[in-house]
Amino acid sequence: MLNIRNPRAAALARALAEKRRITMTDAVIEALSNELAREAETTPLKSRLGAIIDDFIRPERIVGRDLTKDEIDAMWGD
């Protein structure tokens, strides 16, 4: 037996159950299972940012050339 005390939760469970023509208990089980599966597939923010940073600083992305001593001196006004 399913006992949902929150009116909004009960309404959502009832709507899903009616739409799928299943019991409210099965609707709640299905919804929670789907959410847990979706959550397991997400990549944490730290990992996503790490991949972006790794891509950004990879050596082949760095363009330009090394400056000569004369060029460095010229930048400093020597």
PDB file of N, CA and C in Angstrom:
ATOM      1  N   MET A   1       0.841  -1.183   0.000  1.00  0.00           N
ATOM      2  CA  MET A   1       0.000   0.000   0.000  1.00  0.00           C
ATOM      3  C   MET A   1       0.883   1.242   0.000  1.00  0.00           C
ATOM      4  N   LEU A   2       0.537   2.186  -0.828  1.00  0.00           N
ATOM      5  CA  LEU A   2       1.286   3.419  -0.948  1.00  0.00           C
ATOM      6  C   LEU A   2       0.548   4.519  -0.201  1.00  0.00           C
ATOM      7  N   ASN A   3       1.264   5.220   0.655  1.00  0.00           N
ATOM      8  CA  ASN A   3       0.660   6.308   1.432  1.00  0.00           C
ATOM      9  C   ASN A   3       1.460   7.577   1.163  1.00  0.00           C
ATOM     10  N   ILE A   4       0.917   8.424   0.318  1.00  0.00           N
ATOM     11  CA  ILE A   4       1.591   9.682  -0.024  1.00  0.00           C
ATOM     12  C   ILE A   4       0.824  10.799   0.669  1.00  0.00           C
ATOM     13  N   ARG A   5       1.479  11.483   1.597  1.00  0.00           N
ATOM     14  CA  ARG A   5       0.819  12.535   2.364  1.00  0.00           C
ATOM     15  C   ARG A   5       0.891  13.901   1.702  1.00  0.00           C
ATOM     16  N   ASN A   6       1.881  14.113   0.878  1.00  0.00           N
ATOM     17  CA  ASN A   6       2.036  15.396   0.206  1.00  0.00           C
ATOM     18  C   ASN A   6       1.057  15.466  -0.969  1.00  0.00           C
ATOM     19  N   PRO A   7       0.154  16.458  -0.973  1.00  0.00           N
ATOM     20  CA  PRO A   7      -0.853  16.542  -2.035  1.00  0.00           C
ATOM     21  C   PRO A   7      -0.259  16.669  -3.444  1.00  0.00           C
ATOM     22  N   ARG A   8       0.796  17.425  -3.572  1.00  0.00           N
ATOM     23  CA  ARG A   8       1.410  17.581  -4.903  1.00  0.00           C
ATOM     24  C   ARG A   8       2.029  16.264  -5.363  1.00  0.00           C
ATOM     25  N   ALA A   9       2.729  15.579  -4.460  1.00  0.00           N
ATOM     26  CA  ALA A   9       3.333  14.288  -4.808  1.00  0.00           C
ATOM     27  C   ALA A   9       2.253  13.279  -5.194  1.00  0.00           C
ATOM     28  N   ALA A  10       1.157  13.283  -4.459  1.00  0.00           N
ATOM     29  CA  ALA A  10       0.058  12.361  -4.758  1.00  0.00           C
ATOM     30  C   ALA A  10      -0.552  12.671  -6.121  1.00  0.00           C
ATOM     31  N   ALA A  11      -0.730  13.955  -6.413  1.00  0.00           N
ATOM     32  CA  ALA A  11      -1.308  14.349  -7.697  1.00  0.00           C
ATOM     33  C   ALA A  11      -0.390  13.954  -8.854  1.00  0.00           C
ATOM     34  N   LEU A  12       0.906  14.158  -8.678  1.00  0.00           N
ATOM     35  CA  LEU A  12       1.859  13.786  -9.732  1.00  0.00           C
ATOM     36  C   LEU A  12       1.874  12.274  -9.942  1.00  0.00           C
ATOM     37  N   ALA A  13       1.893  11.524  -8.855  1.00  0.00           N
ATOM     38  CA  ALA A  13       1.878  10.059  -8.949  1.00  0.00           C
ATOM     39  C   ALA A  13       0.588   9.586  -9.614  1.00  0.00           C
ATOM     40  N   ARG A  14      -0.523  10.187  -9.247  1.00  0.00           N
ATOM     41  CA  ARG A  14      -1.818   9.817  -9.832  1.00  0.00           C
ATOM     42  C   ARG A  14      -1.841  10.134 -11.336  1.00  0.00           C
ATOM     43  N   ALA A  15      -1.328  11.304 -11.708  1.00  0.00           N
ATOM     44  CA  ALA A  15      -1.321  11.693 -13.120  1.00  0.00           C
ATOM     45  C   ALA A  15      -0.471  10.742 -13.952  1.00  0.00           C
ATOM     46  N   LEU A  16       0.688  10.376 -13.443  1.00  0.00           N
ATOM     47  CA  LEU A  16       1.550   9.440 -14.174  1.00  0.00           C
ATOM     48  C   LEU A  16       0.903   8.063 -14.255  1.00  0.00           C
ATOM     49  N   ALA A  17       0.316   7.631 -13.147  1.00  0.00           N
ATOM     50  CA  ALA A  17      -0.345   6.318 -13.124  1.00  0.00           C
ATOM     51  C   ALA A  17      -1.487   6.273 -14.138  1.00  0.00           C
ATOM     52  N   GLU A  18      -2.292   7.332 -14.189  1.00  0.00           N
ATOM     53  CA  GLU A  18      -3.409   7.371 -15.136  1.00  0.00           C
ATOM     54  C   GLU A  18      -2.915   7.401 -16.575  1.00  0.00           C
ATOM     55  N   LYS A  19      -1.898   8.186 -16.814  1.00  0.00           N
ATOM     56  CA  LYS A  19      -1.357   8.311 -18.174  1.00  0.00           C
ATOM     57  C   LYS A  19      -0.785   6.981 -18.660  1.00  0.00           C
ATOM     58  N   ARG A  20      -0.120   6.274 -17.771  1.00  0.00           N
ATOM     59  CA  ARG A  20       0.511   5.001 -18.150  1.00  0.00           C
ATOM     60  C   ARG A  20      -0.392   3.791 -17.898  1.00  0.00           C
ATOM     61  N   ARG A  21      -1.533   4.047 -17.271  1.00  0.00           N
ATOM     62  CA  ARG A  21      -2.477   2.974 -16.924  1.00  0.00           C
ATOM     63  C   ARG A  21      -1.821   1.915 -16.044  1.00  0.00           C
ATOM     64  N   ILE A  22      -1.164   2.409 -15.001  1.00  0.00           N
ATOM     65  CA  ILE A  22      -0.525   1.541 -14.010  1.00  0.00           C
ATOM     66  C   ILE A  22      -0.951   2.020 -12.624  1.00  0.00           C
ATOM     67  N   THR A  23      -0.566   1.270 -11.594  1.00  0.00           N
ATOM     68  CA  THR A  23      -0.913   1.673 -10.240  1.00  0.00           C
ATOM     69  C   THR A  23      -0.041   2.853  -9.810  1.00  0.00           C
ATOM     70  N   MET A  24      -0.487   3.565  -8.806  1.00  0.00           N
ATOM     71  CA  MET A  24       0.314   4.686  -8.288  1.00  0.00           C
ATOM     72  C   MET A  24       1.650   4.180  -7.758  1.00  0.00           C
ATOM     73  N   THR A  25       1.631   3.020  -7.109  1.00  0.00           N
ATOM     74  CA  THR A  25       2.883   2.451  -6.596  1.00  0.00           C
ATOM     75  C   THR A  25       3.854   2.196  -7.739  1.00  0.00           C
ATOM     76  N   ASP A  26       3.365   1.585  -8.813  1.00  0.00           N
ATOM     77  CA  ASP A  26       4.231   1.324  -9.966  1.00  0.00           C
ATOM     78  C   ASP A  26       4.712   2.621 -10.608  1.00  0.00           C
ATOM     79  N   ALA A  27       3.841   3.639 -10.621  1.00  0.00           N
ATOM     80  CA  ALA A  27       4.233   4.934 -11.184  1.00  0.00           C
ATOM     81  C   ALA A  27       5.366   5.555 -10.372  1.00  0.00           C
ATOM     82  N   VAL A  28       5.267   5.484  -9.052  1.00  0.00           N
ATOM     83  CA  VAL A  28       6.317   6.038  -8.188  1.00  0.00           C
ATOM     84  C   VAL A  28       7.606   5.248  -8.365  1.00  0.00           C
ATOM     85  N   ILE A  29       7.511   3.931  -8.403  1.00  0.00           N
ATOM     86  CA  ILE A  29       8.703   3.088  -8.584  1.00  0.00           C
ATOM     87  C   ILE A  29       9.366   3.403  -9.919  1.00  0.00           C
ATOM     88  N   GLU A  30       8.557   3.501 -10.964  1.00  0.00           N
ATOM     89  CA  GLU A  30       9.095   3.787 -12.297  1.00  0.00           C
ATOM     90  C   GLU A  30       9.761   5.158 -12.344  1.00  0.00           C
ATOM     91  N   ALA A  31       9.093   6.160 -11.788  1.00  0.00           N
ATOM     92  CA  ALA A  31       9.646   7.515 -11.802  1.00  0.00           C
ATOM     93  C   ALA A  31      10.954   7.591 -11.023  1.00  0.00           C
ATOM     94  N   LEU A  32      10.979   6.973  -9.861  1.00  0.00           N
ATOM     95  CA  LEU A  32      12.203   7.012  -9.055  1.00  0.00           C
ATOM     96  C   LEU A  32      13.327   6.226  -9.718  1.00  0.00           C
ATOM     97  N   SER A  33      13.000   5.092 -10.309  1.00  0.00           N
ATOM     98  CA  SER A  33      14.020   4.302 -11.020  1.00  0.00           C
ATOM     99  C   SER A  33      14.601   5.089 -12.180  1.00  0.00           C
ATOM    100  N   ASN A  34      13.721   5.756 -12.933  1.00  0.00           N
ATOM    101  CA  ASN A  34      14.198   6.564 -14.065  1.00  0.00           C
ATOM    102  C   ASN A  34      15.084   7.708 -13.599  1.00  0.00           C
ATOM    103  N   GLU A  35      14.711   8.366 -12.529  1.00  0.00           N
ATOM    104  CA  GLU A  35      15.519   9.482 -12.008  1.00  0.00           C
ATOM    105  C   GLU A  35      16.874   8.995 -11.514  1.00  0.00           C
ATOM    106  N   LEU A  36      16.898   7.853 -10.832  1.00  0.00           N
ATOM    107  CA  LEU A  36      18.180   7.311 -10.354  1.00  0.00           C
ATOM    108  C   LEU A  36      19.080   6.927 -11.523  1.00  0.00           C
ATOM    109  N   ALA A  37      18.500   6.354 -12.551  1.00  0.00           N
ATOM    110  CA  ALA A  37      19.286   5.995 -13.745  1.00  0.00           C
ATOM    111  C   ALA A  37      19.824   7.255 -14.422  1.00  0.00           C
ATOM    112  N   ARG A  38      18.984   8.271 -14.526  1.00  0.00           N
ATOM    113  CA  ARG A  38      19.413   9.539 -15.144  1.00  0.00           C
ATOM    114  C   ARG A  38      20.522  10.188 -14.328  1.00  0.00           C
ATOM    115  N   GLU A  39      20.387  10.135 -13.015  1.00  0.00           N
ATOM    116  CA  GLU A  39      21.398  10.717 -12.129  1.00  0.00           C
ATOM    117  C   GLU A  39      22.736   9.985 -12.265  1.00  0.00           C
ATOM    118  N   ALA A  40      22.676   8.669 -12.426  1.00  0.00           N
ATOM    119  CA  ALA A  40      23.900   7.868 -12.558  1.00  0.00           C
ATOM    120  C   ALA A  40      24.635   8.171 -13.855  1.00  0.00           C
ATOM    121  N   GLU A  41      23.900   8.627 -14.873  1.00  0.00           N
ATOM    122  CA  GLU A  41      24.509   8.909 -16.173  1.00  0.00           C
ATOM    123  C   GLU A  41      25.119  10.298 -16.266  1.00  0.00           C
ATOM    124  N   THR A  42      24.828  11.160 -15.323  1.00  0.00           N
ATOM    125  CA  THR A  42      25.354  12.519 -15.407  1.00  0.00           C
ATOM    126  C   THR A  42      26.814  12.564 -14.993  1.00  0.00           C
ATOM    127  N   THR A  43      27.547  13.423 -15.651  1.00  0.00           N
ATOM    128  CA  THR A  43      28.956  13.622 -15.334  1.00  0.00           C
ATOM    129  C   THR A  43      29.059  14.768 -14.332  1.00  0.00           C
ATOM    130  N   PRO A  44      29.762  14.544 -13.223  1.00  0.00           N
ATOM    131  CA  PRO A  44      29.892  15.615 -12.234  1.00  0.00           C
ATOM    132  C   PRO A  44      30.537  16.875 -12.833  1.00  0.00           C
ATOM    133  N   LEU A  45      30.160  18.026 -12.297  1.00  0.00           N
ATOM    134  CA  LEU A  45      30.677  19.304 -12.780  1.00  0.00           C
ATOM    135  C   LEU A  45      32.200  19.330 -12.757  1.00  0.00           C
ATOM    136  N   LYS A  46      32.796  18.808 -11.700  1.00  0.00           N
ATOM    137  CA  LYS A  46      34.259  18.813 -11.577  1.00  0.00           C
ATOM    138  C   LYS A  46      34.902  18.083 -12.757  1.00  0.00           C
ATOM    139  N   SER A  47      34.328  16.964 -13.154  1.00  0.00           N
ATOM    140  CA  SER A  47      34.873  16.211 -14.288  1.00  0.00           C
ATOM    141  C   SER A  47      34.676  16.955 -15.596  1.00  0.00           C
ATOM    142  N   ARG A  48      33.488  17.568 -15.772  1.00  0.00           N
ATOM    143  CA  ARG A  48      33.237  18.326 -17.003  1.00  0.00           C
ATOM    144  C   ARG A  48      34.194  19.494 -17.120  1.00  0.00           C
ATOM    145  N   LEU A  49      34.401  20.223 -16.020  1.00  0.00           N
ATOM    146  CA  LEU A  49      35.328  21.358 -16.049  1.00  0.00           C
ATOM    147  C   LEU A  49      36.757  20.892 -16.289  1.00  0.00           C
ATOM    148  N   GLY A  50      37.130  19.762 -15.692  1.00  0.00           N
ATOM    149  CA  GLY A  50      38.471  19.221 -15.903  1.00  0.00           C
ATOM    150  C   GLY A  50      38.729  18.908 -17.359  1.00  0.00           C
ATOM    151  N   ALA A  51      37.732  18.341 -18.033  1.00  0.00           N
ATOM    152  CA  ALA A  51      37.883  18.024 -19.454  1.00  0.00           C
ATOM    153  C   ALA A  51      38.025  19.295 -20.282  1.00  0.00           C
ATOM    154  N   ILE A  52      37.263  20.318 -19.928  1.00  0.00           N
ATOM    155  CA  ILE A  52      37.362  21.597 -20.651  1.00  0.00           C
ATOM    156  C   ILE A  52      38.739  22.207 -20.459  1.00  0.00           C
ATOM    157  N   ILE A  53      39.231  22.206 -19.235  1.00  0.00           N
ATOM    158  CA  ILE A  53      40.555  22.771 -18.938  1.00  0.00           C
ATOM    159  C   ILE A  53      41.636  21.982 -19.658  1.00  0.00           C
ATOM    160  N   ASP A  54      41.544  20.644 -19.603  1.00  0.00           N
ATOM    161  CA  ASP A  54      42.537  19.813 -20.285  1.00  0.00           C
ATOM    162  C   ASP A  54      42.562  20.104 -21.776  1.00  0.00           C
ATOM    163  N   ASP A  55      41.388  20.285 -22.372  1.00  0.00           N
ATOM    164  CA  ASP A  55      41.313  20.588 -23.791  1.00  0.00           C
ATOM    165  C   ASP A  55      41.904  21.961 -24.088  1.00  0.00           C
ATOM    166  N   PHE A  56      41.644  22.904 -23.216  1.00  0.00           N
ATOM    167  CA  PHE A  56      42.107  24.274 -23.429  1.00  0.00           C
ATOM    168  C   PHE A  56      43.624  24.393 -23.339  1.00  0.00           C
ATOM    169  N   ILE A  57      44.248  23.652 -22.423  1.00  0.00           N
ATOM    170  CA  ILE A  57      45.697  23.817 -22.218  1.00  0.00           C
ATOM    171  C   ILE A  57      46.541  22.774 -22.940  1.00  0.00           C
ATOM    172  N   ARG A  58      45.925  21.964 -23.792  1.00  0.00           N
ATOM    173  CA  ARG A  58      46.741  20.961 -24.484  1.00  0.00           C
ATOM    174  C   ARG A  58      47.765  21.672 -25.364  1.00  0.00           C
ATOM    175  N   PRO A  59      48.965  21.129 -25.470  1.00  0.00           N
ATOM    176  CA  PRO A  59      50.076  21.821 -26.147  1.00  0.00           C
ATOM    177  C   PRO A  59      49.772  22.254 -27.580  1.00  0.00           C
ATOM    178  N   GLU A  60      49.048  21.454 -28.340  1.00  0.00           N
ATOM    179  CA  GLU A  60      48.812  21.821 -29.737  1.00  0.00           C
ATOM    180  C   GLU A  60      47.893  23.028 -29.887  1.00  0.00           C
ATOM    181  N   ARG A  61      47.210  23.432 -28.804  1.00  0.00           N
ATOM    182  CA  ARG A  61      46.373  24.634 -28.862  1.00  0.00           C
ATOM    183  C   ARG A  61      47.192  25.902 -28.651  1.00  0.00           C
ATOM    184  N   ILE A  62      48.362  25.759 -28.060  1.00  0.00           N
ATOM    185  CA  ILE A  62      49.189  26.924 -27.777  1.00  0.00           C
ATOM    186  C   ILE A  62      49.835  27.376 -29.085  1.00  0.00           C
ATOM    187  N   VAL A  63      49.563  28.596 -29.460  1.00  0.00           N
ATOM    188  CA  VAL A  63      50.086  29.121 -30.719  1.00  0.00           C
ATOM    189  C   VAL A  63      51.113  30.202 -30.421  1.00  0.00           C
ATOM    190  N   GLY A  64      51.889  30.507 -31.393  1.00  0.00           N
ATOM    191  CA  GLY A  64      52.907  31.538 -31.218  1.00  0.00           C
ATOM    192  C   GLY A  64      54.291  30.931 -31.254  1.00  0.00           C
ATOM    193  N   ARG A  65      55.229  31.706 -30.821  1.00  0.00           N
ATOM    194  CA  ARG A  65      56.619  31.254 -30.834  1.00  0.00           C
ATOM    195  C   ARG A  65      57.335  31.838 -29.632  1.00  0.00           C
ATOM    196  N   ASP A  66      58.498  31.320 -29.350  1.00  0.00           N
ATOM    197  CA  ASP A  66      59.316  31.865 -28.276  1.00  0.00           C
ATOM    198  C   ASP A  66      59.922  33.196 -28.747  1.00  0.00           C
ATOM    199  N   LEU A  67      59.966  34.146 -27.825  1.00  0.00           N
ATOM    200  CA  LEU A  67      60.564  35.440 -28.156  1.00  0.00           C
ATOM    201  C   LEU A  67      62.076  35.365 -28.014  1.00  0.00           C
ATOM    202  N   THR A  68      62.745  36.142 -28.845  1.00  0.00           N
ATOM    203  CA  THR A  68      64.201  36.224 -28.730  1.00  0.00           C
ATOM    204  C   THR A  68      64.542  37.181 -27.588  1.00  0.00           C
ATOM    205  N   LYS A  69      65.800  37.156 -27.158  1.00  0.00           N
ATOM    206  CA  LYS A  69      66.233  38.056 -26.091  1.00  0.00           C
ATOM    207  C   LYS A  69      66.057  39.508 -26.528  1.00  0.00           C
ATOM    208  N   ASP A  70      66.367  39.805 -27.790  1.00  0.00           N
ATOM    209  CA  ASP A  70      66.220  41.174 -28.296  1.00  0.00           C
ATOM    210  C   ASP A  70      64.760  41.630 -28.246  1.00  0.00           C
ATOM    211  N   GLU A  71      63.829  40.745 -28.564  1.00  0.00           N
ATOM    212  CA  GLU A  71      62.421  41.098 -28.522  1.00  0.00           C
ATOM    213  C   GLU A  71      61.955  41.352 -27.087  1.00  0.00           C
ATOM    214  N   ILE A  72      62.422  40.528 -26.178  1.00  0.00           N
ATOM    215  CA  ILE A  72      62.077  40.716 -24.763  1.00  0.00           C
ATOM    216  C   ILE A  72      62.646  42.029 -24.251  1.00  0.00           C
ATOM    217  N   ASP A  73      63.906  42.310 -24.594  1.00  0.00           N
ATOM    218  CA  ASP A  73      64.536  43.564 -24.186  1.00  0.00           C
ATOM    219  C   ASP A  73      63.760  44.765 -24.747  1.00  0.00           C
ATOM    220  N   ALA A  74      63.309  44.642 -26.003  1.00  0.00           N
ATOM    221  CA  ALA A  74      62.574  45.732 -26.628  1.00  0.00           C
ATOM    222  C   ALA A  74      61.242  45.990 -25.894  1.00  0.00           C
ATOM    223  N   MET A  75      60.617  44.933 -25.419  1.00  0.00           N
ATOM    224  CA  MET A  75      59.367  45.109 -24.669  1.00  0.00           C
ATOM    225  C   MET A  75      59.599  45.851 -23.363  1.00  0.00           C
ATOM    226  N   TRP A  76      60.759  45.652 -22.756  1.00  0.00           N
ATOM    227  CA  TRP A  76      61.061  46.286 -21.479  1.00  0.00           C
ATOM    228  C   TRP A  76      61.721  47.662 -21.674  1.00  0.00           C
ATOM    229  N   GLY A  77      61.917  48.022 -22.916  1.00  0.00           N
ATOM    230  CA  GLY A  77      62.472  49.342 -23.187  1.00  0.00           C
ATOM    231  C   GLY A  77      63.994  49.406 -23.077  1.00  0.00           C
ATOM    232  N   ASP A  78      64.651  48.283 -23.147  1.00  0.00           N
ATOM    233  CA  ASP A  78      66.118  48.284 -23.057  1.00  0.00           C
ATOM    234  C   ASP A  78      66.743  48.408 -24.427  1.00  0.00           C
TER     235      ASP A  78
END
